[in-house]
Protein backbone atom coordinates (compact mmCIF):
# COMPACT_ATOMS: atom_id res chain seq x y z
CA MET A 1 0.00 0.00 0.00
CA PRO A 2 1.59 3.33 -0.98
CA SER A 3 2.08 6.13 1.53
CA ILE A 4 1.91 9.88 0.99
CA LEU A 5 3.82 12.27 3.21
CA LEU A 6 1.42 15.09 4.03
CA PHE A 7 2.80 18.54 4.89
CA ILE A 8 0.07 20.96 5.99
CA GLU A 9 0.80 24.50 7.17
CA ASP A 10 3.24 24.44 10.11
CA HIS A 11 2.02 21.09 11.50
CA ALA A 12 4.26 18.06 11.81
CA PRO A 13 4.26 15.88 8.69
CA ARG A 14 1.90 12.92 8.62
CA ARG A 15 1.77 9.63 6.76
CA LEU A 16 -1.34 8.93 4.72
CA GLU A 17 -1.99 5.37 3.50
CA ILE A 18 -3.70 5.12 0.12
CA SER A 19 -4.99 2.11 -1.79
CA GLU A 20 -3.86 3.33 -5.23
CA PHE A 21 -1.74 6.10 -6.67
CA ARG A 22 -3.41 9.50 -6.97
CA THR A 23 -2.26 12.73 -8.55
CA ARG A 24 -4.35 14.85 -6.15
CA ILE A 25 -5.89 14.47 -2.71
CA SER A 26 -8.57 16.47 -0.91
CA TYR A 27 -7.71 17.83 2.51
CA LEU A 28 -10.30 19.23 4.92
CA TYR A 29 -8.89 22.24 6.75
CA PRO A 30 -10.05 23.34 10.23
CA ASP A 31 -12.22 26.06 8.63
CA ASN A 32 -14.26 23.19 7.11
CA VAL A 33 -13.10 23.93 3.57
CA ALA A 34 -11.75 21.08 1.44
CA ARG A 35 -8.84 21.93 -0.84
CA GLU A 36 -7.18 19.86 -3.54
CA LEU A 37 -3.45 19.23 -3.05
CA PRO A 38 -1.26 17.88 -5.84
CA VAL A 39 0.72 14.72 -5.12
CA LYS A 40 4.33 14.93 -6.30
CA VAL A 41 6.72 12.05 -6.79
CA ILE A 42 10.12 12.95 -5.33
CA PHE A 43 13.14 10.75 -6.03
CA GLY A 44 16.00 10.67 -3.57
CA THR A 45 19.00 8.77 -2.30
CA PHE A 46 19.12 8.32 1.45
CA LEU A 47 22.05 8.06 3.88
CA ASP A 48 22.09 4.28 3.62
CA GLY A 49 22.72 4.64 -0.13
CA LYS A 50 19.31 3.32 -1.14
CA GLY A 51 17.21 5.25 -3.62
CA SER A 52 13.46 5.59 -3.39
CA ALA A 53 10.48 7.47 -4.71
CA VAL A 54 8.47 9.35 -2.09
CA LEU A 55 4.93 10.65 -2.63
CA VAL A 56 4.45 14.13 -1.18
CA ALA A 57 1.38 16.37 -0.85
CA ALA A 58 1.91 19.83 0.62
CA ASP A 59 0.27 23.21 0.84
CA ARG A 60 3.63 24.93 1.30
CA LEU A 61 7.19 24.75 0.03
CA VAL A 62 8.87 21.66 1.48
CA THR A 63 12.63 21.12 1.35
CA ARG A 64 14.27 17.84 0.38
CA ASP A 65 15.71 17.70 3.91
CA GLU A 66 12.20 17.88 5.42
CA ILE A 67 11.06 15.12 3.07
CA ALA A 68 14.05 12.91 3.92
CA ARG A 69 13.54 13.40 7.68
CA ALA A 70 9.80 12.69 7.44
CA HIS A 71 10.42 9.62 5.26
CA ARG A 72 12.96 8.27 7.72
CA ARG A 73 10.68 8.89 10.72
CA LEU A 74 7.29 7.90 9.25
CA ILE A 75 7.99 5.36 6.50
CA ALA A 76 11.50 3.85 6.69
CA TRP A 77 11.65 3.55 10.49
CA PRO A 78 8.09 4.15 11.74
CA ASP A 79 8.81 2.63 15.18
CA LEU A 80 10.98 5.67 15.94
CA ALA A 81 7.95 7.95 15.59
CA LYS A 82 6.16 6.01 18.32
CA THR A 83 8.94 6.53 20.84
CA GLY A 84 9.88 10.10 20.09
């Protein structure tokens, strides 16, 4: 099952499980307004030398470093997110 890293405003990134690839997702903001967010495919090489594609949806500019940290914490090693 693919995962999307979701970056919304200044909140901590979240992992969203999806059943199939999408190019857009709808996000319901606290003001009860749903907005469409594009899903981007970001390719990267991580510290362990492995390459991967990461799906990212964001309503702001997100750096590659933010994506790599969120991927490591929420997808590659999700047990770390539970302890810290």
